[in-house]
Every structure is written in C-alpha cells, then in structure tokens.
Amino acid sequence: MSAAYVFGSNAVALDGAGNDIGTRVAEYVQERIANLISIDGNMSVVASTQQALSDLIIKAVAEEWTPIELARAIEQDTAFSAERAELIADTELSAAEYAGALGAMTEAGVEQKAWETDPESDTCDDCAENEDDGDIGIDEPFSSGDFAPPLHPRCVCDLVGVSN
C-alpha cells in the first residue's frame, strides 16, 4: 500500500481540474446538519438553531475559520456552553473537511482508501475496526458504516487515499 493522499487537520486539496471543493463542502454541511440535528432526531434542537448552525459552519468553511473561531461564533449565536460549542466546532469542521477530501479523492480517480488511527491517542474499538478493514473501495463504507472520519466527537483518525 502506498499512500497517495493524506487528509487530516491540514487537508490537501486534490482537485487539479479546477473544481470548487468549497462548494462540495458546503453541500455536505447542509446535508449533514439536516440529518444530524433534526427536530425529531436523537439530537433534537429547534429548527432555527439548526439553520443557525448550518449557516455558521458554511461561513466558517468559506472563510477558513479555526475551530476556536467557530466555537466562539456558535457560543454567541446559540444556547450552547463554551465546551459544547467547541466540541461541535471541532467535529463539524473535521466532518466537512473529510467530506471535501473524499469528494476530491473520488474526482481525482483514487480508487481505494484506508482509515488510519493515531498511534499517540487512545483509539476506540470502532476506529480500530475501521483501520483493520485495510484498503477498501473509495465508495465503500468502513466497518462502522462511515465513509470517512470523524467517527465520533474528538476523533483524531485520518483518511488515506491509496494508489496501487
């Protein structure tokens, strides 16, 4: 296995064809927020909070905010504690980053991907199982059912595009 592309806290844009990765990320954020935080979902919040979070995350991605900047904006705009705002900011920016990276890998013709855990961190069982999957097709889910990190809040795993 040779890693062609690694995406982590400093994602590398693959798209040499001039495609707007930011648009893919914004579309992903809209879809994720609609599914993740719905009125009848397991993380129920009112519809106005859902829209506020979506708007803030899209703005954060477009303006390349840090997780701290997004956390401050969430804390000021919604009824979340500072700790909760930071957790949401870190998780959602990571999810948006990996969605964009996965889309870029697909458009670049990468056919396989692998999940990498951080050897310096305590790894949860689900992330370890995803890593144990080895190289899988770019459009296949890992054992957890996820297509890319983060699997959970505070997940520090990476997604690696694999070339043969």
N, C-alpha and C. Protein backbone atom coordinates (compact mmCIF):
# COMPACT_ATOMS: atom_id res chain seq x y z
N MET A 1 0.84 -1.18 0.00
CA MET A 1 0.00 0.00 0.00
C MET A 1 0.88 1.24 0.00
N SER A 2 0.62 2.14 -0.90
CA SER A 2 1.32 3.42 -0.85
C SER A 2 0.30 4.53 -0.77
N ALA A 3 0.45 5.38 0.20
CA ALA A 3 -0.50 6.47 0.41
C ALA A 3 -0.26 7.56 -0.63
N ALA A 4 -1.30 7.84 -1.38
CA ALA A 4 -1.18 8.89 -2.37
C ALA A 4 -1.57 10.24 -1.78
N TYR A 5 -2.54 10.22 -0.87
CA TYR A 5 -3.06 11.46 -0.33
C TYR A 5 -3.44 11.24 1.13
N VAL A 6 -3.03 12.14 1.99
CA VAL A 6 -3.41 12.05 3.40
C VAL A 6 -4.20 13.30 3.74
N PHE A 7 -5.31 13.13 4.44
CA PHE A 7 -6.16 14.24 4.82
C PHE A 7 -6.34 14.21 6.32
N GLY A 8 -5.97 15.27 6.97
CA GLY A 8 -6.12 15.35 8.42
C GLY A 8 -6.45 16.77 8.78
N SER A 9 -5.90 17.25 9.87
CA SER A 9 -6.21 18.60 10.31
C SER A 9 -5.76 19.65 9.29
N ASN A 10 -4.87 19.29 8.40
CA ASN A 10 -4.46 20.18 7.31
C ASN A 10 -4.71 19.48 5.98
N ALA A 11 -5.98 19.45 5.57
CA ALA A 11 -6.37 18.73 4.37
C ALA A 11 -5.65 19.29 3.15
N VAL A 12 -5.30 18.39 2.24
CA VAL A 12 -4.67 18.76 1.00
C VAL A 12 -5.74 18.67 -0.09
N ALA A 13 -5.96 19.76 -0.83
CA ALA A 13 -6.94 19.75 -1.91
C ALA A 13 -6.33 19.02 -3.10
N LEU A 14 -7.05 18.05 -3.62
CA LEU A 14 -6.57 17.27 -4.75
C LEU A 14 -6.97 17.83 -6.09
N ASP A 15 -7.97 18.66 -6.09
CA ASP A 15 -8.68 18.97 -7.30
C ASP A 15 -7.89 19.86 -8.24
N GLY A 16 -7.11 19.25 -9.12
CA GLY A 16 -6.35 19.97 -10.11
C GLY A 16 -7.17 20.33 -11.33
N ALA A 17 -8.42 19.88 -11.39
CA ALA A 17 -9.28 20.14 -12.54
C ALA A 17 -10.02 21.46 -12.41
N GLY A 18 -9.75 22.20 -11.33
CA GLY A 18 -10.41 23.49 -11.15
C GLY A 18 -11.78 23.39 -10.50
N ASN A 19 -12.16 22.23 -10.02
CA ASN A 19 -13.45 22.09 -9.35
C ASN A 19 -13.40 22.75 -7.99
N ASP A 20 -14.51 23.34 -7.58
CA ASP A 20 -14.59 24.08 -6.33
C ASP A 20 -14.88 23.14 -5.18
N ILE A 21 -13.85 22.77 -4.44
CA ILE A 21 -14.00 21.86 -3.30
C ILE A 21 -14.86 22.51 -2.23
N GLY A 22 -14.77 23.82 -2.09
CA GLY A 22 -15.58 24.53 -1.10
C GLY A 22 -17.07 24.33 -1.31
N THR A 23 -17.52 24.27 -2.56
CA THR A 23 -18.93 24.05 -2.85
C THR A 23 -19.35 22.67 -2.37
N ARG A 24 -18.50 21.65 -2.62
CA ARG A 24 -18.81 20.29 -2.15
C ARG A 24 -18.93 20.27 -0.64
N VAL A 25 -18.03 20.97 0.04
CA VAL A 25 -18.06 21.00 1.50
C VAL A 25 -19.34 21.69 1.98
N ALA A 26 -19.71 22.80 1.38
CA ALA A 26 -20.93 23.50 1.78
C ALA A 26 -22.16 22.62 1.58
N GLU A 27 -22.21 21.90 0.46
CA GLU A 27 -23.33 20.99 0.22
C GLU A 27 -23.36 19.88 1.26
N TYR A 28 -22.19 19.36 1.61
CA TYR A 28 -22.11 18.32 2.63
C TYR A 28 -22.60 18.85 3.98
N VAL A 29 -22.18 20.05 4.33
CA VAL A 29 -22.59 20.62 5.62
C VAL A 29 -24.10 20.75 5.67
N GLN A 30 -24.72 21.24 4.61
CA GLN A 30 -26.17 21.37 4.58
C GLN A 30 -26.83 20.01 4.81
N GLU A 31 -26.36 18.99 4.11
CA GLU A 31 -26.93 17.65 4.23
C GLU A 31 -26.69 17.08 5.63
N ARG A 32 -25.48 17.24 6.14
CA ARG A 32 -25.15 16.68 7.47
C ARG A 32 -25.99 17.33 8.55
N ILE A 33 -26.07 18.63 8.53
CA ILE A 33 -26.86 19.32 9.55
C ILE A 33 -28.32 18.91 9.46
N ALA A 34 -28.84 18.77 8.24
CA ALA A 34 -30.24 18.34 8.09
C ALA A 34 -30.47 16.96 8.70
N ASN A 35 -29.51 16.07 8.55
CA ASN A 35 -29.65 14.72 9.08
C ASN A 35 -29.24 14.59 10.54
N LEU A 36 -28.23 15.31 10.93
CA LEU A 36 -27.66 15.17 12.26
C LEU A 36 -28.50 15.87 13.32
N ILE A 37 -28.95 17.04 13.02
CA ILE A 37 -29.66 17.84 14.01
C ILE A 37 -31.04 18.17 13.47
N SER A 38 -31.97 17.26 13.64
CA SER A 38 -33.34 17.49 13.18
C SER A 38 -34.28 17.56 14.38
N ILE A 39 -35.42 18.16 14.19
CA ILE A 39 -36.37 18.33 15.28
C ILE A 39 -36.78 16.98 15.87
N ASP A 40 -36.93 15.97 15.04
CA ASP A 40 -37.34 14.65 15.55
C ASP A 40 -36.18 13.67 15.67
N GLY A 41 -34.96 14.16 15.55
CA GLY A 41 -33.78 13.29 15.63
C GLY A 41 -33.34 13.08 17.06
N ASN A 42 -32.28 12.30 17.21
CA ASN A 42 -31.81 11.99 18.56
C ASN A 42 -31.03 13.15 19.19
N MET A 43 -30.75 14.18 18.44
CA MET A 43 -30.08 15.38 18.97
C MET A 43 -30.98 16.58 18.71
N SER A 44 -32.23 16.47 19.15
CA SER A 44 -33.26 17.44 18.83
C SER A 44 -32.94 18.86 19.28
N VAL A 45 -33.04 19.78 18.34
CA VAL A 45 -32.99 21.21 18.62
C VAL A 45 -34.01 21.88 17.73
N VAL A 46 -34.39 23.08 18.05
CA VAL A 46 -35.39 23.78 17.24
C VAL A 46 -34.83 24.11 15.87
N ALA A 47 -35.73 24.24 14.91
CA ALA A 47 -35.33 24.46 13.51
C ALA A 47 -34.46 25.71 13.34
N SER A 48 -34.73 26.75 14.11
CA SER A 48 -33.91 27.97 13.97
C SER A 48 -32.47 27.73 14.40
N THR A 49 -32.27 26.88 15.40
CA THR A 49 -30.90 26.55 15.81
C THR A 49 -30.21 25.73 14.74
N GLN A 50 -30.96 24.82 14.11
CA GLN A 50 -30.42 24.01 13.02
C GLN A 50 -29.92 24.92 11.90
N GLN A 51 -30.72 25.89 11.51
CA GLN A 51 -30.32 26.79 10.43
C GLN A 51 -29.15 27.66 10.85
N ALA A 52 -29.16 28.12 12.10
CA ALA A 52 -28.06 28.96 12.58
C ALA A 52 -26.74 28.19 12.55
N LEU A 53 -26.76 26.94 13.00
CA LEU A 53 -25.54 26.13 12.97
C LEU A 53 -25.08 25.90 11.53
N SER A 54 -26.01 25.57 10.66
CA SER A 54 -25.65 25.35 9.26
C SER A 54 -25.00 26.59 8.66
N ASP A 55 -25.62 27.74 8.88
CA ASP A 55 -25.09 28.99 8.33
C ASP A 55 -23.71 29.30 8.89
N LEU A 56 -23.52 29.09 10.20
CA LEU A 56 -22.22 29.36 10.81
C LEU A 56 -21.14 28.43 10.29
N ILE A 57 -21.46 27.14 10.14
CA ILE A 57 -20.45 26.18 9.67
C ILE A 57 -20.07 26.46 8.22
N ILE A 58 -21.06 26.76 7.39
CA ILE A 58 -20.77 27.10 5.99
C ILE A 58 -19.89 28.35 5.92
N LYS A 59 -20.22 29.36 6.73
CA LYS A 59 -19.41 30.57 6.76
C LYS A 59 -17.99 30.26 7.25
N ALA A 60 -17.88 29.40 8.27
CA ALA A 60 -16.57 29.04 8.81
C ALA A 60 -15.71 28.35 7.76
N VAL A 61 -16.33 27.44 6.99
CA VAL A 61 -15.58 26.76 5.94
C VAL A 61 -15.17 27.74 4.85
N ALA A 62 -16.13 28.58 4.42
CA ALA A 62 -15.84 29.54 3.35
C ALA A 62 -14.75 30.54 3.74
N GLU A 63 -14.75 30.96 5.00
CA GLU A 63 -13.80 31.96 5.46
C GLU A 63 -12.57 31.35 6.16
N GLU A 64 -12.50 30.01 6.14
CA GLU A 64 -11.36 29.28 6.72
C GLU A 64 -11.13 29.63 8.19
N TRP A 65 -12.23 29.64 8.97
CA TRP A 65 -12.10 29.88 10.40
C TRP A 65 -11.40 28.71 11.07
N THR A 66 -10.79 28.99 12.18
CA THR A 66 -10.26 27.93 13.03
C THR A 66 -11.41 27.36 13.86
N PRO A 67 -11.24 26.16 14.43
CA PRO A 67 -12.29 25.65 15.32
C PRO A 67 -12.60 26.59 16.48
N ILE A 68 -11.60 27.31 16.99
CA ILE A 68 -11.83 28.26 18.09
C ILE A 68 -12.74 29.40 17.63
N GLU A 69 -12.48 29.91 16.41
CA GLU A 69 -13.32 30.99 15.88
C GLU A 69 -14.76 30.53 15.70
N LEU A 70 -14.93 29.31 15.17
CA LEU A 70 -16.29 28.80 15.00
C LEU A 70 -16.94 28.56 16.36
N ALA A 71 -16.20 28.04 17.31
CA ALA A 71 -16.75 27.81 18.65
C ALA A 71 -17.25 29.12 19.26
N ARG A 72 -16.49 30.18 19.11
CA ARG A 72 -16.92 31.48 19.64
C ARG A 72 -18.21 31.95 18.96
N ALA A 73 -18.28 31.78 17.66
CA ALA A 73 -19.48 32.20 16.93
C ALA A 73 -20.69 31.36 17.36
N ILE A 74 -20.51 30.06 17.53
CA ILE A 74 -21.61 29.20 17.98
C ILE A 74 -22.05 29.61 19.38
N GLU A 75 -21.09 29.86 20.25
CA GLU A 75 -21.40 30.25 21.62
C GLU A 75 -22.19 31.56 21.65
N GLN A 76 -21.84 32.50 20.79
CA GLN A 76 -22.53 33.80 20.76
C GLN A 76 -23.91 33.71 20.11
N ASP A 77 -24.07 32.82 19.12
CA ASP A 77 -25.30 32.76 18.35
C ASP A 77 -26.32 31.75 18.87
N THR A 78 -25.91 30.80 19.65
CA THR A 78 -26.83 29.75 20.08
C THR A 78 -26.71 29.48 21.57
N ALA A 79 -27.57 28.65 22.07
CA ALA A 79 -27.64 28.37 23.51
C ALA A 79 -26.77 27.19 23.90
N PHE A 80 -25.51 27.22 23.53
CA PHE A 80 -24.59 26.15 23.88
C PHE A 80 -23.54 26.68 24.84
N SER A 81 -23.06 25.82 25.72
CA SER A 81 -21.94 26.19 26.58
C SER A 81 -20.68 26.33 25.73
N ALA A 82 -19.66 26.93 26.30
CA ALA A 82 -18.39 27.08 25.58
C ALA A 82 -17.82 25.71 25.23
N GLU A 83 -17.90 24.76 26.15
CA GLU A 83 -17.37 23.41 25.89
C GLU A 83 -18.15 22.72 24.77
N ARG A 84 -19.46 22.83 24.81
CA ARG A 84 -20.30 22.21 23.77
C ARG A 84 -20.06 22.88 22.42
N ALA A 85 -19.94 24.19 22.42
CA ALA A 85 -19.68 24.91 21.17
C ALA A 85 -18.35 24.48 20.55
N GLU A 86 -17.32 24.32 21.39
CA GLU A 86 -16.02 23.87 20.88
C GLU A 86 -16.09 22.45 20.34
N LEU A 87 -16.79 21.57 21.03
CA LEU A 87 -16.95 20.19 20.57
C LEU A 87 -17.66 20.15 19.22
N ILE A 88 -18.75 20.90 19.08
CA ILE A 88 -19.47 20.96 17.81
C ILE A 88 -18.58 21.53 16.72
N ALA A 89 -17.86 22.61 17.01
CA ALA A 89 -16.99 23.23 16.02
C ALA A 89 -15.92 22.26 15.53
N ASP A 90 -15.23 21.61 16.46
CA ASP A 90 -14.18 20.66 16.07
C ASP A 90 -14.74 19.52 15.24
N THR A 91 -15.84 18.94 15.68
CA THR A 91 -16.41 17.78 15.00
C THR A 91 -16.93 18.14 13.62
N GLU A 92 -17.67 19.23 13.52
CA GLU A 92 -18.30 19.58 12.25
C GLU A 92 -17.30 20.09 11.22
N LEU A 93 -16.28 20.84 11.65
CA LEU A 93 -15.27 21.25 10.68
C LEU A 93 -14.46 20.05 10.19
N SER A 94 -14.19 19.12 11.07
CA SER A 94 -13.49 17.90 10.67
C SER A 94 -14.33 17.10 9.68
N ALA A 95 -15.62 16.96 9.98
CA ALA A 95 -16.51 16.21 9.08
C ALA A 95 -16.59 16.88 7.70
N ALA A 96 -16.70 18.20 7.68
CA ALA A 96 -16.75 18.92 6.41
C ALA A 96 -15.45 18.77 5.64
N GLU A 97 -14.33 18.85 6.35
CA GLU A 97 -13.02 18.70 5.72
C GLU A 97 -12.89 17.32 5.06
N TYR A 98 -13.28 16.29 5.79
CA TYR A 98 -13.15 14.93 5.24
C TYR A 98 -14.14 14.68 4.11
N ALA A 99 -15.32 15.28 4.18
CA ALA A 99 -16.27 15.14 3.07
C ALA A 99 -15.69 15.75 1.79
N GLY A 100 -15.10 16.92 1.92
CA GLY A 100 -14.45 17.55 0.77
C GLY A 100 -13.28 16.73 0.26
N ALA A 101 -12.49 16.19 1.18
CA ALA A 101 -11.33 15.39 0.80
C ALA A 101 -11.77 14.11 0.08
N LEU A 102 -12.80 13.46 0.59
CA LEU A 102 -13.29 12.23 -0.04
C LEU A 102 -13.81 12.53 -1.44
N GLY A 103 -14.54 13.63 -1.58
CA GLY A 103 -15.02 14.02 -2.91
C GLY A 103 -13.88 14.33 -3.86
N ALA A 104 -12.86 15.00 -3.36
CA ALA A 104 -11.70 15.33 -4.19
C ALA A 104 -10.95 14.06 -4.60
N MET A 105 -10.82 13.12 -3.66
CA MET A 105 -10.15 11.86 -3.99
C MET A 105 -10.91 11.13 -5.09
N THR A 106 -12.22 11.09 -4.97
CA THR A 106 -13.05 10.42 -5.98
C THR A 106 -12.88 11.07 -7.34
N GLU A 107 -12.95 12.41 -7.37
CA GLU A 107 -12.80 13.13 -8.63
C GLU A 107 -11.40 12.99 -9.22
N ALA A 108 -10.42 12.76 -8.38
CA ALA A 108 -9.04 12.60 -8.85
C ALA A 108 -8.77 11.17 -9.33
N GLY A 109 -9.76 10.30 -9.19
CA GLY A 109 -9.60 8.94 -9.68
C GLY A 109 -9.00 7.97 -8.68
N VAL A 110 -8.89 8.38 -7.42
CA VAL A 110 -8.40 7.47 -6.40
C VAL A 110 -9.45 6.37 -6.23
N GLU A 111 -9.02 5.12 -6.28
CA GLU A 111 -9.97 4.01 -6.25
C GLU A 111 -10.10 3.34 -4.89
N GLN A 112 -9.13 3.54 -4.01
CA GLN A 112 -9.19 2.91 -2.69
C GLN A 112 -8.82 3.91 -1.62
N LYS A 113 -9.26 3.60 -0.40
CA LYS A 113 -8.96 4.44 0.74
C LYS A 113 -8.69 3.54 1.94
N ALA A 114 -8.08 4.12 2.96
CA ALA A 114 -7.81 3.39 4.20
C ALA A 114 -8.02 4.35 5.37
N TRP A 115 -8.39 3.79 6.50
CA TRP A 115 -8.61 4.54 7.74
C TRP A 115 -7.36 4.39 8.58
N GLU A 116 -6.83 5.50 9.08
CA GLU A 116 -5.64 5.44 9.94
C GLU A 116 -5.94 6.04 11.30
N THR A 117 -5.62 5.28 12.34
CA THR A 117 -5.75 5.79 13.69
C THR A 117 -4.46 6.50 14.09
N ASP A 118 -4.52 7.27 15.14
CA ASP A 118 -3.36 7.98 15.65
C ASP A 118 -2.69 7.12 16.72
N PRO A 119 -1.46 6.67 16.48
CA PRO A 119 -0.80 5.79 17.45
C PRO A 119 -0.52 6.49 18.79
N GLU A 120 -0.59 7.81 18.81
CA GLU A 120 -0.35 8.57 20.04
C GLU A 120 -1.62 8.76 20.87
N SER A 121 -2.77 8.31 20.36
CA SER A 121 -4.05 8.53 21.04
C SER A 121 -4.67 7.22 21.47
N ASP A 122 -5.57 7.31 22.44
CA ASP A 122 -6.39 6.16 22.78
C ASP A 122 -7.39 5.97 21.65
N THR A 123 -7.37 4.81 21.04
CA THR A 123 -8.23 4.54 19.89
C THR A 123 -9.44 3.74 20.34
N CYS A 124 -10.63 4.17 19.94
CA CYS A 124 -11.83 3.43 20.30
C CYS A 124 -11.91 2.16 19.45
N ASP A 125 -12.70 1.20 19.89
CA ASP A 125 -12.83 -0.08 19.19
C ASP A 125 -13.33 0.10 17.76
N ASP A 126 -14.30 1.00 17.55
CA ASP A 126 -14.86 1.20 16.21
C ASP A 126 -13.82 1.77 15.24
N CYS A 127 -13.03 2.73 15.70
CA CYS A 127 -11.98 3.28 14.84
C CYS A 127 -10.92 2.22 14.54
N ALA A 128 -10.57 1.40 15.53
CA ALA A 128 -9.60 0.31 15.32
C ALA A 128 -10.13 -0.68 14.29
N GLU A 129 -11.42 -1.00 14.36
CA GLU A 129 -12.01 -1.91 13.36
C GLU A 129 -11.97 -1.30 11.97
N ASN A 130 -12.24 0.00 11.88
CA ASN A 130 -12.16 0.66 10.57
C ASN A 130 -10.74 0.58 10.02
N GLU A 131 -9.74 0.77 10.86
CA GLU A 131 -8.35 0.66 10.41
C GLU A 131 -8.05 -0.78 9.99
N ASP A 132 -8.59 -1.74 10.72
CA ASP A 132 -8.37 -3.15 10.39
C ASP A 132 -8.98 -3.54 9.05
N ASP A 133 -9.93 -2.74 8.54
CA ASP A 133 -10.51 -3.02 7.22
C ASP A 133 -9.46 -2.96 6.12
N GLY A 134 -8.36 -2.25 6.36
CA GLY A 134 -7.33 -2.11 5.34
C GLY A 134 -7.81 -1.27 4.18
N ASP A 135 -7.30 -1.55 3.00
CA ASP A 135 -7.68 -0.82 1.79
C ASP A 135 -9.05 -1.28 1.33
N ILE A 136 -9.96 -0.32 1.15
CA ILE A 136 -11.30 -0.63 0.65
C ILE A 136 -11.61 0.31 -0.51
N GLY A 137 -12.64 -0.02 -1.27
CA GLY A 137 -13.05 0.83 -2.38
C GLY A 137 -13.43 2.22 -1.91
N ILE A 138 -13.16 3.21 -2.72
CA ILE A 138 -13.40 4.61 -2.36
C ILE A 138 -14.87 4.87 -2.03
N ASP A 139 -15.80 4.13 -2.65
CA ASP A 139 -17.23 4.32 -2.42
C ASP A 139 -17.81 3.36 -1.39
N GLU A 140 -16.96 2.55 -0.76
CA GLU A 140 -17.43 1.58 0.23
C GLU A 140 -17.37 2.17 1.63
N PRO A 141 -18.33 1.81 2.49
CA PRO A 141 -18.23 2.25 3.89
C PRO A 141 -17.25 1.36 4.65
N PHE A 142 -16.69 1.92 5.71
CA PHE A 142 -15.86 1.14 6.61
C PHE A 142 -16.77 0.30 7.51
N SER A 143 -16.20 -0.54 8.35
CA SER A 143 -16.97 -1.42 9.23
C SER A 143 -18.02 -0.68 10.05
N SER A 144 -17.72 0.54 10.44
CA SER A 144 -18.65 1.34 11.25
C SER A 144 -19.85 1.83 10.46
N GLY A 145 -19.77 1.74 9.12
CA GLY A 145 -20.81 2.29 8.26
C GLY A 145 -20.47 3.69 7.77
N ASP A 146 -19.39 4.25 8.27
CA ASP A 146 -18.96 5.58 7.87
C ASP A 146 -18.04 5.49 6.65
N PHE A 147 -18.01 6.57 5.87
CA PHE A 147 -17.17 6.63 4.68
C PHE A 147 -15.84 7.34 4.94
N ALA A 148 -15.80 8.11 6.02
CA ALA A 148 -14.60 8.87 6.37
C ALA A 148 -14.71 9.32 7.82
N PRO A 149 -13.57 9.67 8.43
CA PRO A 149 -13.62 10.27 9.75
C PRO A 149 -14.37 11.62 9.70
N PRO A 150 -14.76 12.16 10.81
CA PRO A 150 -14.63 11.62 12.15
C PRO A 150 -15.77 10.64 12.46
N LEU A 151 -15.44 9.61 13.18
CA LEU A 151 -16.45 8.63 13.58
C LEU A 151 -17.25 9.14 14.77
N HIS A 152 -16.64 9.99 15.56
CA HIS A 152 -17.27 10.50 16.79
C HIS A 152 -16.59 11.81 17.17
N PRO A 153 -17.18 12.57 18.08
CA PRO A 153 -16.51 13.77 18.54
C PRO A 153 -15.12 13.43 19.11
N ARG A 154 -14.19 14.31 18.88
CA ARG A 154 -12.78 14.18 19.30
C ARG A 154 -12.03 13.07 18.57
N CYS A 155 -12.56 12.59 17.49
CA CYS A 155 -11.88 11.57 16.66
C CYS A 155 -10.66 12.22 16.01
N VAL A 156 -9.52 11.56 16.10
CA VAL A 156 -8.28 12.09 15.52
C VAL A 156 -7.75 11.20 14.39
N CYS A 157 -8.62 10.38 13.84
CA CYS A 157 -8.21 9.48 12.76
C CYS A 157 -8.03 10.25 11.45
N ASP A 158 -7.34 9.62 10.52
CA ASP A 158 -7.12 10.18 9.18
C ASP A 158 -7.68 9.26 8.12
N LEU A 159 -7.94 9.85 6.96
CA LEU A 159 -8.36 9.10 5.78
C LEU A 159 -7.20 9.17 4.79
N VAL A 160 -6.83 8.02 4.24
CA VAL A 160 -5.71 7.95 3.31
C VAL A 160 -6.20 7.41 1.99
N GLY A 161 -5.93 8.15 0.92
CA GLY A 161 -6.18 7.65 -0.42
C GLY A 161 -5.06 6.72 -0.82
N VAL A 162 -5.39 5.61 -1.41
CA VAL A 162 -4.40 4.57 -1.72
C VAL A 162 -4.24 4.43 -3.22
N SER A 163 -2.99 4.45 -3.67
CA SER A 163 -2.72 4.20 -5.08
C SER A 163 -2.02 2.84 -5.20
N ASN A 164 -2.26 2.18 -6.28
CA ASN A 164 -1.66 0.85 -6.47
C ASN A 164 -0.36 0.94 -7.22
